[in-house]
PDB file of N, CA and C in Angstrom:
ATOM      1  N   MET A   1      82.962  27.820  13.348  1.00  0.00           N
ATOM      2  CA  MET A   1      82.935  26.113  13.002  1.00  0.00           C
ATOM      3  C   MET A   1      84.268  26.004  13.627  1.00  0.00           C
ATOM      4  N   PRO A   2      83.959  25.360  14.927  1.00  0.00           N
ATOM      5  CA  PRO A   2      84.926  24.066  14.840  1.00  0.00           C
ATOM      6  C   PRO A   2      85.673  23.827  14.324  1.00  0.00           C
ATOM      7  N   LEU A   3      87.568  23.483  14.646  1.00  0.00           N
ATOM      8  CA  LEU A   3      87.763  23.154  13.270  1.00  0.00           C
ATOM      9  C   LEU A   3      88.067  21.384  13.662  1.00  0.00           C
ATOM     10  N   SER A   4      87.824  20.963  12.623  1.00  0.00           N
ATOM     11  CA  SER A   4      88.192  19.093  13.052  1.00  0.00           C
ATOM     12  C   SER A   4      90.047  18.671  13.571  1.00  0.00           C
ATOM     13  N   GLU A   5      90.247  17.646  13.720  1.00  0.00           N
ATOM     14  CA  GLU A   5      91.576  17.477  14.157  1.00  0.00           C
ATOM     15  C   GLU A   5      92.546  17.018  13.396  1.00  0.00           C
ATOM     16  N   ASN A   6      91.950  16.852  11.918  1.00  0.00           N
ATOM     17  CA  ASN A   6      92.389  17.202  10.818  1.00  0.00           C
ATOM     18  C   ASN A   6      92.828  17.908  10.153  1.00  0.00           C
ATOM     19  N   GLN A   7      91.824  18.410  10.120  1.00  0.00           N
ATOM     20  CA  GLN A   7      92.447  19.975  10.059  1.00  0.00           C
ATOM     21  C   GLN A   7      92.943  20.878  10.776  1.00  0.00           C
ATOM     22  N   LYS A   8      93.382  20.619  11.920  1.00  0.00           N
ATOM     23  CA  LYS A   8      94.125  21.348  13.189  1.00  0.00           C
ATOM     24  C   LYS A   8      95.340  21.181  12.558  1.00  0.00           C
ATOM     25  N   ARG A   9      95.528  19.435  12.628  1.00  0.00           N
ATOM     26  CA  ARG A   9      96.966  18.765  12.037  1.00  0.00           C
ATOM     27  C   ARG A   9      97.413  19.933  11.139  1.00  0.00           C
ATOM     28  N   GLN A  10      96.947  19.371  10.009  1.00  0.00           N
ATOM     29  CA  GLN A  10      97.593  20.325   8.306  1.00  0.00           C
ATOM     30  C   GLN A  10      97.504  22.069   9.043  1.00  0.00           C
ATOM     31  N   LEU A  11      96.740  22.561   9.447  1.00  0.00           N
ATOM     32  CA  LEU A  11      97.045  23.951   9.857  1.00  0.00           C
ATOM     33  C   LEU A  11      98.186  24.272  10.785  1.00  0.00           C
ATOM     34  N   ARG A  12      98.436  22.607  11.621  1.00  0.00           N
ATOM     35  CA  ARG A  12      99.730  22.852  13.100  1.00  0.00           C
ATOM     36  C   ARG A  12     101.076  22.723  11.871  1.00  0.00           C
ATOM     37  N   LYS A  13     101.162  21.624  10.651  1.00  0.00           N
ATOM     38  CA  LYS A  13     102.348  22.034   9.827  1.00  0.00           C
ATOM     39  C   LYS A  13     102.195  22.980   9.291  1.00  0.00           C
ATOM     40  N   LEU A  14     101.189  23.536   9.391  1.00  0.00           N
ATOM     41  CA  LEU A  14     101.136  25.075   8.110  1.00  0.00           C
ATOM     42  C   LEU A  14     101.829  25.883   8.861  1.00  0.00           C
ATOM     43  N   GLY A  15     101.564  25.718   9.954  1.00  0.00           N
ATOM     44  CA  GLY A  15     102.285  27.114  10.947  1.00  0.00           C
ATOM     45  C   GLY A  15     103.781  26.554  11.659  1.00  0.00           C
ATOM     46  N   HIS A  16     103.682  25.432  11.428  1.00  0.00           N
ATOM     47  CA  HIS A  16     105.374  25.175  12.149  1.00  0.00           C
ATOM     48  C   HIS A  16     106.351  25.961  11.453  1.00  0.00           C
ATOM     49  N   ASN A  17     106.449  26.814  10.414  1.00  0.00           N
ATOM     50  CA  ASN A  17     107.681  27.512   9.927  1.00  0.00           C
ATOM     51  C   ASN A  17     107.221  28.814  10.192  1.00  0.00           C
ATOM     52  N   LEU A  18     106.010  28.828  10.557  1.00  0.00           N
ATOM     53  CA  LEU A  18     105.465  31.252  10.786  1.00  0.00           C
ATOM     54  C   LEU A  18     106.646  30.746  11.813  1.00  0.00           C
ATOM     55  N   LYS A  19     106.874  32.452  11.828  1.00  0.00           N
ATOM     56  CA  LYS A  19     107.487  33.891  13.035  1.00  0.00           C
ATOM     57  C   LYS A  19     106.267  34.205  12.988  1.00  0.00           C
ATOM     58  N   PRO A  20     106.367  34.286  14.744  1.00  0.00           N
ATOM     59  CA  PRO A  20     105.368  35.065  15.489  1.00  0.00           C
ATOM     60  C   PRO A  20     105.079  36.491  14.414  1.00  0.00           C
ATOM     61  N   VAL A  21     103.983  36.909  14.286  1.00  0.00           N
ATOM     62  CA  VAL A  21     103.828  38.659  13.464  1.00  0.00           C
ATOM     63  C   VAL A  21     103.306  39.509  14.638  1.00  0.00           C
ATOM     64  N   VAL A  22     102.967  38.716  15.776  1.00  0.00           N
ATOM     65  CA  VAL A  22     101.855  39.441  16.913  1.00  0.00           C
ATOM     66  C   VAL A  22     103.174  39.166  17.952  1.00  0.00           C
ATOM     67  N   MET A  23     103.842  40.389  18.874  1.00  0.00           N
ATOM     68  CA  MET A  23     104.413  40.093  19.734  1.00  0.00           C
ATOM     69  C   MET A  23     103.158  40.883  21.294  1.00  0.00           C
ATOM     70  N   ILE A  24     102.776  40.154  22.279  1.00  0.00           N
ATOM     71  CA  ILE A  24     102.142  40.457  23.775  1.00  0.00           C
ATOM     72  C   ILE A  24     103.237  40.573  24.476  1.00  0.00           C
ATOM     73  N   GLY A  25     103.435  42.223  25.240  1.00  0.00           N
ATOM     74  CA  GLY A  25     104.408  42.418  26.155  1.00  0.00           C
ATOM     75  C   GLY A  25     103.751  42.327  27.206  1.00  0.00           C
ATOM     76  N   SER A  26     104.140  43.334  28.325  1.00  0.00           N
ATOM     77  CA  SER A  26     104.151  43.630  29.540  1.00  0.00           C
ATOM     78  C   SER A  26     103.018  44.656  29.642  1.00  0.00           C
ATOM     79  N   ASN A  27     102.586  44.980  28.695  1.00  0.00           N
ATOM     80  CA  ASN A  27     101.097  45.801  28.589  1.00  0.00           C
ATOM     81  C   ASN A  27     100.006  45.171  28.126  1.00  0.00           C
ATOM     82  N   GLY A  28      99.710  44.310  27.648  1.00  0.00           N
ATOM     83  CA  GLY A  28      98.772  42.993  27.821  1.00  0.00           C
ATOM     84  C   GLY A  28      98.156  43.681  26.530  1.00  0.00           C
ATOM     85  N   LEU A  29      96.827  42.583  26.425  1.00  0.00           N
ATOM     86  CA  LEU A  29      96.157  43.286  25.334  1.00  0.00           C
ATOM     87  C   LEU A  29      95.564  44.523  25.434  1.00  0.00           C
ATOM     88  N   THR A  30      95.825  45.423  24.426  1.00  0.00           N
ATOM     89  CA  THR A  30      95.458  46.837  24.277  1.00  0.00           C
ATOM     90  C   THR A  30      94.705  46.952  23.054  1.00  0.00           C
ATOM     91  N   GLU A  31      94.091  47.939  22.455  1.00  0.00           N
ATOM     92  CA  GLU A  31      93.538  48.169  21.286  1.00  0.00           C
ATOM     93  C   GLU A  31      93.988  48.217  20.548  1.00  0.00           C
ATOM     94  N   ALA A  32      95.255  48.745  20.396  1.00  0.00           N
ATOM     95  CA  ALA A  32      96.310  48.313  19.197  1.00  0.00           C
ATOM     96  C   ALA A  32      96.924  46.904  18.391  1.00  0.00           C
ATOM     97  N   VAL A  33      96.561  46.016  20.019  1.00  0.00           N
ATOM     98  CA  VAL A  33      97.277  45.047  19.608  1.00  0.00           C
ATOM     99  C   VAL A  33      96.000  44.684  19.080  1.00  0.00           C
ATOM    100  N   HIS A  34      95.129  44.719  19.473  1.00  0.00           N
ATOM    101  CA  HIS A  34      93.816  43.601  18.598  1.00  0.00           C
ATOM    102  C   HIS A  34      93.600  44.041  17.591  1.00  0.00           C
ATOM    103  N   ALA A  35      93.892  44.938  17.078  1.00  0.00           N
ATOM    104  CA  ALA A  35      94.127  45.596  15.781  1.00  0.00           C
ATOM    105  C   ALA A  35      94.822  44.899  14.942  1.00  0.00           C
ATOM    106  N   GLU A  36      95.882  45.215  15.611  1.00  0.00           N
ATOM    107  CA  GLU A  36      96.746  44.391  14.641  1.00  0.00           C
ATOM    108  C   GLU A  36      96.580  42.907  14.698  1.00  0.00           C
ATOM    109  N   ILE A  37      96.294  42.192  15.691  1.00  0.00           N
ATOM    110  CA  ILE A  37      96.235  40.941  14.944  1.00  0.00           C
ATOM    111  C   ILE A  37      94.356  40.159  14.294  1.00  0.00           C
ATOM    112  N   THR A  38      93.647  41.290  14.373  1.00  0.00           N
ATOM    113  CA  THR A  38      92.555  41.694  12.982  1.00  0.00           C
ATOM    114  C   THR A  38      92.924  41.572  11.872  1.00  0.00           C
ATOM    115  N   LEU A  39      94.248  42.472  11.648  1.00  0.00           N
ATOM    116  CA  LEU A  39      94.525  42.177  10.376  1.00  0.00           C
ATOM    117  C   LEU A  39      95.517  41.182  10.067  1.00  0.00           C
ATOM    118  N   ALA A  40      96.338  41.289  10.756  1.00  0.00           N
ATOM    119  CA  ALA A  40      97.221  39.780  10.251  1.00  0.00           C
ATOM    120  C   ALA A  40      95.940  38.541  10.110  1.00  0.00           C
ATOM    121  N   LEU A  41      95.472  38.183  10.966  1.00  0.00           N
ATOM    122  CA  LEU A  41      94.883  37.012  10.324  1.00  0.00           C
ATOM    123  C   LEU A  41      93.730  37.301   9.354  1.00  0.00           C
ATOM    124  N   GLU A  42      92.953  38.987   8.912  1.00  0.00           N
ATOM    125  CA  GLU A  42      92.120  38.915   7.607  1.00  0.00           C
ATOM    126  C   GLU A  42      93.394  38.901   6.611  1.00  0.00           C
ATOM    127  N   HIS A  43      94.806  39.476   6.536  1.00  0.00           N
ATOM    128  CA  HIS A  43      95.543  39.094   5.214  1.00  0.00           C
ATOM    129  C   HIS A  43      95.999  37.364   5.136  1.00  0.00           C
ATOM    130  N   HIS A  44      96.762  37.115   6.587  1.00  0.00           N
ATOM    131  CA  HIS A  44      97.321  35.501   6.453  1.00  0.00           C
ATOM    132  C   HIS A  44      96.240  34.419   6.969  1.00  0.00           C
ATOM    133  N   GLU A  45      95.360  34.942   7.491  1.00  0.00           N
ATOM    134  CA  GLU A  45      94.901  33.715   8.246  1.00  0.00           C
ATOM    135  C   GLU A  45      94.812  32.578   8.919  1.00  0.00           C
ATOM    136  N   LEU A  46      96.476  32.762   9.350  1.00  0.00           N
ATOM    137  CA  LEU A  46      96.737  31.571  10.303  1.00  0.00           C
ATOM    138  C   LEU A  46      98.177  32.013  10.638  1.00  0.00           C
ATOM    139  N   ILE A  47      98.072  32.727  11.616  1.00  0.00           N
ATOM    140  CA  ILE A  47      99.187  33.750  12.187  1.00  0.00           C
ATOM    141  C   ILE A  47      99.817  32.820  14.102  1.00  0.00           C
ATOM    142  N   LYS A  48     100.911  32.972  14.125  1.00  0.00           N
ATOM    143  CA  LYS A  48     101.793  32.783  15.836  1.00  0.00           C
ATOM    144  C   LYS A  48     101.733  34.133  15.960  1.00  0.00           C
ATOM    145  N   VAL A  49     101.337  33.992  17.074  1.00  0.00           N
ATOM    146  CA  VAL A  49     101.170  35.293  18.374  1.00  0.00           C
ATOM    147  C   VAL A  49     102.298  34.762  19.994  1.00  0.00           C
ATOM    148  N   ARG A  50     103.199  35.741  19.974  1.00  0.00           N
ATOM    149  CA  ARG A  50     104.290  35.474  21.372  1.00  0.00           C
ATOM    150  C   ARG A  50     103.306  36.452  22.288  1.00  0.00           C
ATOM    151  N   LEU A  51     103.286  35.437  23.652  1.00  0.00           N
ATOM    152  CA  LEU A  51     102.249  35.929  24.486  1.00  0.00           C
ATOM    153  C   LEU A  51     103.812  35.944  25.410  1.00  0.00           C
ATOM    154  N   ASN A  52     104.783  37.334  25.753  1.00  0.00           N
ATOM    155  CA  ASN A  52     105.365  37.330  26.878  1.00  0.00           C
ATOM    156  C   ASN A  52     105.096  37.718  28.235  1.00  0.00           C
ATOM    157  N   ALA A  53     103.592  38.096  28.226  1.00  0.00           N
ATOM    158  CA  ALA A  53     103.484  38.675  29.504  1.00  0.00           C
ATOM    159  C   ALA A  53     102.737  37.732  30.370  1.00  0.00           C
ATOM    160  N   GLY A  54     102.359  38.097  31.682  1.00  0.00           N
ATOM    161  CA  GLY A  54     102.173  36.882  32.495  1.00  0.00           C
ATOM    162  C   GLY A  54     102.564  35.393  32.577  1.00  0.00           C
ATOM    163  N   ASP A  55     101.782  34.765  33.924  1.00  0.00           N
ATOM    164  CA  ASP A  55     101.743  33.379  34.270  1.00  0.00           C
ATOM    165  C   ASP A  55     101.117  32.421  33.215  1.00  0.00           C
ATOM    166  N   LYS A  56     100.767  31.589  33.017  1.00  0.00           N
ATOM    167  CA  LYS A  56     100.402  30.443  32.244  1.00  0.00           C
ATOM    168  C   LYS A  56      99.033  31.022  32.296  1.00  0.00           C
ATOM    169  N   ASP A  57      98.040  30.990  33.761  1.00  0.00           N
ATOM    170  CA  ASP A  57      96.785  31.854  33.436  1.00  0.00           C
ATOM    171  C   ASP A  57      96.732  32.371  33.043  1.00  0.00           C
ATOM    172  N   VAL A  58      97.471  34.232  32.992  1.00  0.00           N
ATOM    173  CA  VAL A  58      97.221  35.375  32.314  1.00  0.00           C
ATOM    174  C   VAL A  58      97.315  35.164  30.524  1.00  0.00           C
ATOM    175  N   ARG A  59      98.111  34.227  30.759  1.00  0.00           N
ATOM    176  CA  ARG A  59      98.572  34.042  28.700  1.00  0.00           C
ATOM    177  C   ARG A  59      97.367  33.199  27.853  1.00  0.00           C
ATOM    178  N   ASN A  60      96.759  31.699  29.034  1.00  0.00           N
ATOM    179  CA  ASN A  60      95.746  31.097  28.547  1.00  0.00           C
ATOM    180  C   ASN A  60      94.102  32.181  28.608  1.00  0.00           C
ATOM    181  N   GLN A  61      94.225  33.018  29.072  1.00  0.00           N
ATOM    182  CA  GLN A  61      93.284  34.125  29.333  1.00  0.00           C
ATOM    183  C   GLN A  61      92.976  34.934  28.159  1.00  0.00           C
ATOM    184  N   MET A  62      94.700  35.416  27.454  1.00  0.00           N
ATOM    185  CA  MET A  62      95.026  36.411  26.619  1.00  0.00           C
ATOM    186  C   MET A  62      94.157  35.449  25.432  1.00  0.00           C
ATOM    187  N   ILE A  63      94.465  34.350  25.025  1.00  0.00           N
ATOM    188  CA  ILE A  63      94.276  33.408  24.099  1.00  0.00           C
ATOM    189  C   ILE A  63      93.140  33.490  23.880  1.00  0.00           C
ATOM    190  N   THR A  64      92.294  33.198  24.662  1.00  0.00           N
ATOM    191  CA  THR A  64      90.926  33.147  25.212  1.00  0.00           C
ATOM    192  C   THR A  64      90.198  34.614  24.533  1.00  0.00           C
ATOM    193  N   ASP A  65      90.880  35.537  24.704  1.00  0.00           N
ATOM    194  CA  ASP A  65      90.119  36.731  24.614  1.00  0.00           C
ATOM    195  C   ASP A  65      90.353  37.484  23.183  1.00  0.00           C
ATOM    196  N   ILE A  66      91.791  36.907  22.251  1.00  0.00           N
ATOM    197  CA  ILE A  66      91.780  37.085  21.039  1.00  0.00           C
ATOM    198  C   ILE A  66      90.692  36.594  20.157  1.00  0.00           C
ATOM    199  N   THR A  67      91.163  35.189  20.640  1.00  0.00           N
ATOM    200  CA  THR A  67      90.146  34.050  20.004  1.00  0.00           C
ATOM    201  C   THR A  67      88.348  34.486  19.761  1.00  0.00           C
ATOM    202  N   LYS A  68      87.884  34.575  21.175  1.00  0.00           N
ATOM    203  CA  LYS A  68      87.051  35.307  21.199  1.00  0.00           C
ATOM    204  C   LYS A  68      86.133  36.459  20.442  1.00  0.00           C
ATOM    205  N   GLN A  69      87.340  37.748  20.669  1.00  0.00           N
ATOM    206  CA  GLN A  69      86.729  38.755  19.819  1.00  0.00           C
ATOM    207  C   GLN A  69      87.064  38.966  18.529  1.00  0.00           C
ATOM    208  N   ASN A  70      87.624  38.109  17.710  1.00  0.00           N
ATOM    209  CA  ASN A  70      88.633  37.708  17.049  1.00  0.00           C
ATOM    210  C   ASN A  70      87.706  36.739  15.759  1.00  0.00           C
ATOM    211  N   LYS A  71      86.652  36.174  16.647  1.00  0.00           N
ATOM    212  CA  LYS A  71      86.307  34.868  16.232  1.00  0.00           C
ATOM    213  C   LYS A  71      86.963  34.269  15.385  1.00  0.00           C
ATOM    214  N   ALA A  72      87.601  33.591  15.795  1.00  0.00           N
ATOM    215  CA  ALA A  72      89.375  32.455  15.374  1.00  0.00           C
ATOM    216  C   ALA A  72      89.094  31.517  16.143  1.00  0.00           C
ATOM    217  N   GLU A  73      89.682  30.069  15.979  1.00  0.00           N
ATOM    218  CA  GLU A  73      90.157  29.168  16.339  1.00  0.00           C
ATOM    219  C   GLU A  73      91.635  28.846  16.863  1.00  0.00           C
ATOM    220  N   LEU A  74      91.893  28.272  18.192  1.00  0.00           N
ATOM    221  CA  LEU A  74      93.072  28.236  18.338  1.00  0.00           C
ATOM    222  C   LEU A  74      93.121  26.905  17.850  1.00  0.00           C
ATOM    223  N   VAL A  75      94.906  26.347  16.925  1.00  0.00           N
ATOM    224  CA  VAL A  75      95.116  25.738  16.381  1.00  0.00           C
ATOM    225  C   VAL A  75      96.230  24.801  17.457  1.00  0.00           C
ATOM    226  N   GLN A  76      96.936  25.452  18.257  1.00  0.00           N
ATOM    227  CA  GLN A  76      97.377  25.396  18.865  1.00  0.00           C
ATOM    228  C   GLN A  76      98.741  26.080  20.140  1.00  0.00           C
ATOM    229  N   ARG A  77      98.809  25.828  21.166  1.00  0.00           N
ATOM    230  CA  ARG A  77      99.667  26.603  22.149  1.00  0.00           C
ATOM    231  C   ARG A  77     101.166  25.406  22.355  1.00  0.00           C
ATOM    232  N   ILE A  78     101.983  26.348  22.210  1.00  0.00           N
ATOM    233  CA  ILE A  78     103.318  25.839  23.370  1.00  0.00           C
ATOM    234  C   ILE A  78     103.970  26.734  23.918  1.00  0.00           C
ATOM    235  N   GLY A  79     103.986  26.663  24.766  1.00  0.00           N
ATOM    236  CA  GLY A  79     105.037  27.855  26.037  1.00  0.00           C
ATOM    237  C   GLY A  79     104.265  29.408  25.831  1.00  0.00           C
ATOM    238  N   HIS A  80     104.879  30.351  25.151  1.00  0.00           N
ATOM    239  CA  HIS A  80     104.131  31.068  25.195  1.00  0.00           C
ATOM    240  C   HIS A  80     103.789  31.811  23.643  1.00  0.00           C
ATOM    241  N   ILE A  81     103.652  30.711  22.407  1.00  0.00           N
ATOM    242  CA  ILE A  81     103.324  30.752  21.788  1.00  0.00           C
ATOM    243  C   ILE A  81     102.248  30.216  21.551  1.00  0.00           C
ATOM    244  N   ALA A  82     101.314  31.223  20.166  1.00  0.00           N
ATOM    245  CA  ALA A  82      99.766  30.549  19.907  1.00  0.00           C
ATOM    246  C   ALA A  82     100.214  30.849  18.849  1.00  0.00           C
ATOM    247  N   VAL A  83      99.260  29.218  18.175  1.00  0.00           N
ATOM    248  CA  VAL A  83      98.815  29.468  16.688  1.00  0.00           C
ATOM    249  C   VAL A  83      97.158  29.727  16.206  1.00  0.00           C
ATOM    250  N   ILE A  84      96.972  30.928  15.850  1.00  0.00           N
ATOM    251  CA  ILE A  84      95.316  30.958  15.421  1.00  0.00           C
ATOM    252  C   ILE A  84      95.153  31.279  13.803  1.00  0.00           C
ATOM    253  N   PHE A  85      93.785  30.733  14.210  1.00  0.00           N
ATOM    254  CA  PHE A  85      93.807  30.629  12.251  1.00  0.00           C
ATOM    255  C   PHE A  85      92.005  32.007  12.650  1.00  0.00           C
ATOM    256  N   ARG A  86      91.321  31.695  11.144  1.00  0.00           N
ATOM    257  CA  ARG A  86      90.402  32.822  11.095  1.00  0.00           C
ATOM    258  C   ARG A  86      90.224  32.752   9.529  1.00  0.00           C
ATOM    259  N   ARG A  87      89.498  31.680   9.120  1.00  0.00           N
ATOM    260  CA  ARG A  87      89.623  31.859   7.603  1.00  0.00           C
ATOM    261  C   ARG A  87      89.098  33.230   7.300  1.00  0.00           C
ATOM    262  N   ASN A  88      89.729  33.644   5.683  1.00  0.00           N
ATOM    263  CA  ASN A  88      89.107  34.828   5.233  1.00  0.00           C
ATOM    264  C   ASN A  88      87.876  34.261   4.146  1.00  0.00           C
ATOM    265  N   SER A  89      87.183  35.248   4.600  1.00  0.00           N
ATOM    266  CA  SER A  89      85.940  34.716   3.487  1.00  0.00           C
ATOM    267  C   SER A  89      85.380  35.674   2.247  1.00  0.00           C
ATOM    268  N   GLU A  90      86.356  36.013   2.098  1.00  0.00           N
ATOM    269  CA  GLU A  90      86.095  36.902   0.507  1.00  0.00           C
ATOM    270  C   GLU A  90      87.467  35.777   0.103  1.00  0.00           C
ATOM    271  N   LYS A  91      88.561  36.133   0.217  1.00  0.00           N
ATOM    272  CA  LYS A  91      89.744  35.818  -0.441  1.00  0.00           C
ATOM    273  C   LYS A  91      90.214  33.990   0.914  1.00  0.00           C
ATOM    274  N   PRO A  92      89.884  33.326   0.970  1.00  0.00           N
ATOM    275  CA  PRO A  92      90.416  32.316   1.360  1.00  0.00           C
ATOM    276  C   PRO A  92      92.357  31.669   0.643  1.00  0.00           C
ATOM    277  N   LYS A  93      92.409  31.433   1.649  1.00  0.00           N
ATOM    278  CA  LYS A  93      94.110  31.192   1.252  1.00  0.00           C
ATOM    279  C   LYS A  93      94.557  29.750   1.503  1.00  0.00           C
ATOM    280  N   ILE A  94      93.619  29.392   2.498  1.00  0.00           N
ATOM    281  CA  ILE A  94      94.223  27.681   3.280  1.00  0.00           C
ATOM    282  C   ILE A  94      92.908  27.277   2.792  1.00  0.00           C
ATOM    283  N   SER A  95      93.558  26.082   1.895  1.00  0.00           N
ATOM    284  CA  SER A  95      91.875  25.088   1.667  1.00  0.00           C
ATOM    285  C   SER A  95      92.364  23.356   2.661  1.00  0.00           C
ATOM    286  N   PHE A  96      90.970  22.831   2.674  1.00  0.00           N
ATOM    287  CA  PHE A  96      91.367  21.866   3.570  1.00  0.00           C
ATOM    288  C   PHE A  96      90.100  20.668   2.706  1.00  0.00           C
TER     289      PHE A  96
END
């Protein structure tokens, strides 16, 4: 389900004070990193991910891979930081 602009705006406000919970380094997107992102999304719904590897195109591809594999939405991307959202269907924490 794509997010509306109002929903993205609300999520950007909520994500502003968050610290990155997952950091991706020079090894890129490994299975362990994907598993950690999945767990973080299930627990928090809204997470920040720091992408320290590669140039802008590589980071964009990593973000695309993360959102596709986790069926999540990209809320915001600034530099090396991406804010990603996926609603927890069993126990939603963020309401619109």
